[in-house]
Structure formats: C-alpha cells, structure tokens
C-alpha cells in the first residue's frame, strides 16, 4: 500500500521529479508570532523570504532542517481534519527550525489557516494542532533563477557574505566556490549560520563567478555561473546566477516508506 501511495503522489504532484513518499504527522503554528517573523528564523533569510511563497512559511524539525541545508526546501501539506479542513494541499517553504516533538512542521498562521475550509480558519487556529500528510516537493519560481543575496554586513573588498535564494527544485546546496573572473583559482565559501555563506575575498573583489555543488538524494552535481557579481557589487543586492536548479537530475529515488 505504501508503494502505491508513493507512486500515486509522485504522479499527481510532479510527473518529472522523484519525490519522497507521503509522511503522516501533526502540524501546528506559531500562535504568538506574525507571519513575517518566520522570515527572520534560523535560516535568516530576512524579508526576502516572503517573496518565495508569500506568507506560506514553515519551521522544520531538526531532521528536516538538516543543519540548515534544508533551508529553502518546499513541502506540500494536506490537513486530515474533515470538519475544519478543505483537503486542498498547501505549499510552504522552510525558513526556520523548531523543536516541537509532536510535529514535523510548525507553520506560519497564514499557512495554517490556508488549510481550512471557507469560514473555518479561526476554528482551526483554536484547535492549534492537526493531523496532516506532507511530502517534499520541488520549489518552483517561475520568474526567478537561483540568485545570490549579498548580505548587509559584507565589506568590499575584504569580506563577502551571501545567501542563496530562489534555489528551486529538490536540490540542496552543499558547497559554494567563488572565482575572480579571468582567474584560475577557486576559493571555497564557508557555511555559516542558517542559509548564510561567507568568505574573505582579498584579491577577489570582483567581478566574481560562482560554482554551486548541489545534492539530490545522494547525487552531486556542480554548476558554474559566470560573472554573477559585478566589480561594484552592493550590500543588499540580489544577483541572478542564470541557473535553474529545478532542472537538476538525480540517479535514483529513495525507498518509499510511510512515517506515522
């Protein structure tokens, strides 16, 4: 039965991608925080997080957060309460970490209410925690490629801090390297807190190219993006790499199991 459910869900949700199976768990929400506050969670995306899926944000358990490599992952969630919930799937993006032992996902209030039937959202909020099924799905950003957000504490020409945004697909970024254009030397960036990467860039002030190594179910693929940052890059700037990670392939699917 589990194999059938997984196969069916893959066909319905994304015919060209291999998704994990449906998992059964509980979901709650941040009752004392605004929908925007999740954008400043453990992934530290800042306000740009609301450009991903609006206020449909989520905090993941440590296994989903995966030492911040899960930042930016997308999930499809369906509430199982037949009285209060519509049964329609809601798509969320992971921007935070939580330690709620009864739920894999803690949602923004907007995402939690989006699961409700018309007129039932306040009742659903009062319940506070519900049975759900969820699955990891490919992130899709129709108007964006993978981009680099230069963080405000970067200091040209000595230090560069970036956050990858709009990464798309199912891939997780596991390594980032930079190269000054027309140089043969690649320098690895260091993974910092959340989705932040940093590097000392003396002699690498720009223009800069990037190499991204991404992992999809154990398969590693490396992509080069040339001339991403100009010589005079600016803090707070968002720079398009031209890469679409939604097109990243994979070698094999993981085994299908249901989690209760």
Protein backbone atom coordinates (compact mmCIF):
# COMPACT_ATOMS: atom_id res chain seq x y z
CA UNK A 1 0.00 0.00 0.00
CA UNK A 2 2.85 2.36 0.87
CA UNK A 3 4.49 1.87 -2.52
CA UNK A 4 1.20 2.57 -4.27
CA UNK A 5 0.64 5.78 -2.30
CA UNK A 6 4.15 7.00 -3.08
CA UNK A 7 3.79 6.23 -6.79
CA UNK A 8 0.39 7.94 -6.94
CA UNK A 9 1.62 11.02 -5.11
CA UNK A 10 4.64 11.36 -7.41
CA UNK A 11 2.41 11.26 -10.50
CA UNK A 12 -0.03 13.81 -9.11
CA UNK A 13 2.45 16.29 -7.65
CA UNK A 14 5.26 16.37 -10.19
CA UNK A 15 5.48 13.91 -13.04
CA UNK A 16 9.09 14.74 -13.90
CA UNK A 17 10.57 14.52 -10.39
CA UNK A 18 11.21 11.82 -7.83
CA UNK A 19 9.61 12.89 -4.58
CA UNK A 20 9.76 11.27 -1.16
CA UNK A 21 6.69 9.43 0.00
CA UNK A 22 3.82 10.99 1.84
CA UNK A 23 4.56 11.23 5.56
CA UNK A 24 1.92 11.39 8.25
CA UNK A 25 2.49 13.68 11.21
CA UNK A 26 0.97 16.62 13.05
CA UNK A 27 1.34 20.31 12.25
CA UNK A 28 0.91 23.31 14.50
CA UNK A 29 1.55 27.03 14.08
CA UNK A 30 3.30 29.95 15.73
CA UNK A 31 0.34 31.44 17.58
CA UNK A 32 2.26 34.36 19.10
CA UNK A 33 4.28 35.38 16.09
CA UNK A 34 3.39 37.27 12.96
CA UNK A 35 3.63 35.55 9.56
CA UNK A 36 6.63 37.74 8.75
CA UNK A 37 8.59 36.70 11.83
CA UNK A 38 9.36 33.31 10.36
CA UNK A 39 11.39 35.05 7.67
CA UNK A 40 13.85 36.00 10.41
CA UNK A 41 14.07 32.46 11.76
CA UNK A 42 17.03 30.10 11.88
CA UNK A 43 17.60 30.33 8.10
CA UNK A 44 17.91 34.12 8.43
CA UNK A 45 16.51 34.95 5.01
CA UNK A 46 15.13 38.27 6.17
CA UNK A 47 12.26 39.97 4.32
CA UNK A 48 13.08 38.28 1.00
CA UNK A 49 11.55 35.05 2.37
CA UNK A 50 8.08 36.46 1.80
CA UNK A 51 8.93 36.72 -1.91
CA UNK A 52 9.20 32.92 -2.07
CA UNK A 53 5.63 31.77 -1.33
CA UNK A 54 4.23 34.88 0.35
CA UNK A 55 3.44 34.21 3.99
CA UNK A 56 3.22 30.42 3.44
CA UNK A 57 6.29 29.70 5.55
CA UNK A 58 7.22 26.84 7.85
CA UNK A 59 9.69 25.79 10.51
CA UNK A 60 11.02 22.24 10.24
CA UNK A 61 12.07 19.65 12.76
CA UNK A 62 15.84 19.09 13.14
CA UNK A 63 15.72 16.26 10.59
CA UNK A 64 14.00 18.47 8.00
CA UNK A 65 16.14 21.49 8.86
CA UNK A 66 19.20 19.26 8.40
CA UNK A 67 21.80 21.61 9.89
CA UNK A 68 20.38 24.42 7.72
CA UNK A 69 20.91 22.55 4.44
CA UNK A 70 17.11 22.19 4.39
CA UNK A 71 16.63 25.97 4.29
CA UNK A 72 14.52 26.88 1.28
CA UNK A 73 13.06 23.38 0.89
CA UNK A 74 9.42 23.23 -0.21
CA UNK A 75 6.72 20.97 1.16
CA UNK A 76 3.15 20.16 0.24
CA UNK A 77 0.89 19.77 3.28
CA UNK A 78 -2.67 18.47 3.49
CA UNK A 79 -4.75 18.68 6.68
CA UNK A 80 -6.64 15.49 7.52
CA UNK A 81 -9.44 17.03 9.64
CA UNK A 82 -12.60 16.52 7.51
CA UNK A 83 -14.65 19.01 9.52
CA UNK A 84 -12.34 22.03 9.57
CA UNK A 85 -10.01 21.47 6.63
CA UNK A 86 -10.65 21.74 2.90
CA UNK A 87 -8.40 18.82 1.99
CA UNK A 88 -6.59 21.03 -0.55
CA UNK A 89 -2.82 20.92 -0.47
CA UNK A 90 -0.89 23.97 0.74
CA UNK A 91 2.68 24.56 -0.40
CA UNK A 92 5.13 26.08 2.08
CA UNK A 93 8.83 26.90 2.13
CA UNK A 94 11.07 26.11 5.10
CA UNK A 95 12.63 29.19 6.70
CA UNK A 96 13.10 28.18 10.34
CA UNK A 97 13.89 25.42 12.83
CA UNK A 98 11.61 24.20 15.62
CA UNK A 99 11.88 21.63 18.41
CA UNK A 100 8.22 20.65 18.77
CA UNK A 101 8.45 16.90 19.38
CA UNK A 102 4.88 16.21 18.23
CA UNK A 103 5.09 17.90 14.80
CA UNK A 104 7.49 17.78 11.87
CA UNK A 105 6.30 21.20 10.68
CA UNK A 106 5.23 24.32 12.54
CA UNK A 107 3.57 26.75 10.16
CA UNK A 108 3.06 30.47 9.97
CA UNK A 109 -0.51 31.35 10.94
CA UNK A 110 -1.21 32.21 7.30
CA UNK A 111 -0.14 28.77 6.12
CA UNK A 112 -2.09 27.06 8.89
CA UNK A 113 -5.27 28.98 8.04
CA UNK A 114 -4.81 28.23 4.33
CA UNK A 115 -5.64 24.58 5.08
CA UNK A 116 -9.09 25.45 6.46
CA UNK A 117 -12.46 25.33 4.80
CA UNK A 118 -14.07 28.68 3.99
CA UNK A 119 -15.15 30.31 7.22
CA UNK A 120 -13.35 27.76 9.39
CA UNK A 121 -9.90 29.34 9.71
CA UNK A 122 -10.43 30.78 13.20
CA UNK A 123 -11.79 27.46 14.44
CA UNK A 124 -8.75 25.72 13.02
CA UNK A 125 -6.47 28.17 14.81
CA UNK A 126 -8.25 27.41 18.09
CA UNK A 127 -7.59 23.70 17.61
CA UNK A 128 -3.91 24.58 17.24
CA UNK A 129 -2.54 21.23 16.10
CA UNK A 130 -3.91 18.85 13.45
CA UNK A 131 -3.08 15.61 11.70
CA UNK A 132 -1.51 16.22 8.29
CA UNK A 133 0.20 14.41 5.47
CA UNK A 134 3.14 16.06 3.75
CA UNK A 135 5.83 15.49 1.18
CA UNK A 136 8.92 17.30 -0.05
CA UNK A 137 8.18 18.81 -3.45
CA UNK A 138 10.25 20.76 -5.98
CA UNK A 139 10.30 24.51 -5.37
CA UNK A 140 9.16 26.40 -8.43
CA UNK A 141 9.86 30.08 -9.02
CA UNK A 142 8.54 30.98 -12.45
CA UNK A 143 10.16 34.40 -12.60
CA UNK A 144 13.42 33.66 -10.80
CA UNK A 145 16.58 31.64 -11.29
CA UNK A 146 18.89 30.75 -8.43
CA UNK A 147 20.09 34.10 -7.14
CA UNK A 148 22.67 35.41 -4.69
CA UNK A 149 21.62 37.86 -1.97
CA UNK A 150 24.61 39.90 -0.75
CA UNK A 151 24.17 40.37 2.99
CA UNK A 152 24.39 43.76 4.64
CA UNK A 153 27.50 43.03 6.69
CA UNK A 154 29.60 42.23 3.62
CA UNK A 155 32.59 44.54 3.25
CA UNK A 156 34.10 45.07 -0.16
CA UNK A 157 36.88 44.21 -0.86
CA UNK A 158 37.64 42.14 2.26
CA UNK A 159 34.59 40.01 3.13
CA UNK A 160 31.62 38.63 1.23
CA UNK A 161 28.54 37.12 2.88
CA UNK A 162 25.76 35.73 0.72
CA UNK A 163 22.53 33.78 0.97
CA UNK A 164 21.35 31.69 -2.00
CA UNK A 165 17.69 32.43 -2.75
CA UNK A 166 15.11 31.05 -5.21
CA UNK A 167 17.12 27.84 -5.41
CA UNK A 168 14.26 25.85 -6.94
CA UNK A 169 13.80 22.13 -7.49
CA UNK A 170 14.65 19.49 -4.87
CA UNK A 171 18.36 20.22 -4.67
CA UNK A 172 20.24 21.21 -1.54
CA UNK A 173 23.30 23.43 -1.96
CA UNK A 174 26.21 21.71 -0.21
CA UNK A 175 29.20 23.69 -1.49
CA UNK A 176 29.82 27.16 -2.94
CA UNK A 177 33.05 28.39 -4.50
CA UNK A 178 33.97 31.78 -5.94
CA UNK A 179 36.43 32.80 -8.61
CA UNK A 180 37.55 36.20 -9.79
CA UNK A 181 36.77 36.46 -13.49
CA UNK A 182 39.82 35.63 -15.64
CA UNK A 183 41.49 33.84 -12.72
CA UNK A 184 42.07 30.09 -12.48
CA UNK A 185 41.80 29.96 -8.68
CA UNK A 186 38.58 28.86 -6.96
CA UNK A 187 38.03 29.69 -3.28
CA UNK A 188 35.54 27.79 -1.13
CA UNK A 189 33.00 29.73 0.89
CA UNK A 190 32.28 28.61 4.47
CA UNK A 191 28.80 27.61 5.61
CA UNK A 192 27.74 29.89 8.43
CA UNK A 193 24.53 30.03 10.44
CA UNK A 194 21.32 29.27 8.60
CA UNK A 195 21.46 29.78 4.84
CA UNK A 196 24.44 32.13 5.13
CA UNK A 197 27.80 31.54 3.41
CA UNK A 198 30.88 33.73 3.88
CA UNK A 199 34.44 34.13 2.63
CA UNK A 200 37.38 36.50 2.96
CA UNK A 201 37.79 37.94 -0.51
CA UNK A 202 41.01 39.93 -0.56
CA UNK A 203 42.21 39.72 -4.15
CA UNK A 204 38.71 38.51 -5.08
CA UNK A 205 36.76 41.77 -5.01
CA UNK A 206 35.09 41.21 -8.37
CA UNK A 207 33.74 40.56 -10.84
CA UNK A 208 33.03 37.10 -9.42
CA UNK A 209 31.88 33.78 -10.81
CA UNK A 210 30.36 31.01 -8.66
CA UNK A 211 30.34 27.23 -8.58
CA UNK A 212 27.46 25.55 -6.77
CA UNK A 213 27.54 21.89 -5.79
CA UNK A 214 24.05 20.59 -5.15
CA UNK A 215 22.88 17.26 -3.78
CA UNK A 216 19.70 15.42 -4.76
CA UNK A 217 19.25 12.10 -2.95
CA UNK A 218 22.97 11.44 -2.75
CA UNK A 219 23.81 12.55 -6.29
CA UNK A 220 26.14 15.55 -6.52
CA UNK A 221 26.06 17.95 -9.45
CA UNK A 222 28.23 21.05 -9.84
CA UNK A 223 27.21 24.11 -11.86
CA UNK A 224 29.25 27.14 -12.83
CA UNK A 225 27.68 30.57 -13.04
CA UNK A 226 29.91 33.18 -14.65
CA UNK A 227 30.06 36.93 -13.95
CA UNK A 228 27.42 36.81 -11.21
CA UNK A 229 28.71 39.68 -9.07
CA UNK A 230 29.98 42.84 -10.78
CA UNK A 231 33.08 44.72 -9.64
CA UNK A 232 30.99 47.13 -7.62
CA UNK A 233 28.55 44.70 -6.01
CA UNK A 234 26.29 46.21 -3.39
CA UNK A 235 25.16 45.04 0.02
CA UNK A 236 21.52 44.01 -0.15
CA UNK A 237 21.72 43.38 -3.89
CA UNK A 238 20.17 40.26 -5.41
CA UNK A 239 22.14 38.89 -8.36
CA UNK A 240 20.79 36.33 -10.83
CA UNK A 241 23.09 33.36 -11.50
CA UNK A 242 21.15 32.24 -14.57
CA UNK A 243 20.93 28.70 -13.11
CA UNK A 244 17.62 26.88 -12.83
CA UNK A 245 18.02 24.16 -10.19
CA UNK A 246 14.54 22.84 -10.91
CA UNK A 247 16.15 21.10 -13.89
CA UNK A 248 18.74 19.23 -11.81
CA UNK A 249 18.55 15.47 -12.36
CA UNK A 250 19.15 12.57 -9.99
CA UNK A 251 20.28 8.96 -10.23
CA UNK A 252 17.65 7.11 -8.22
CA UNK A 253 14.67 7.55 -5.93
CA UNK A 254 14.81 6.79 -2.21
CA UNK A 255 12.82 3.82 -0.93
CA UNK A 256 9.18 4.57 -0.22
CA UNK A 257 8.06 4.32 3.38
CA UNK A 258 5.29 5.92 5.36
CA UNK A 259 6.07 7.75 8.60
CA UNK A 260 3.47 7.67 11.37
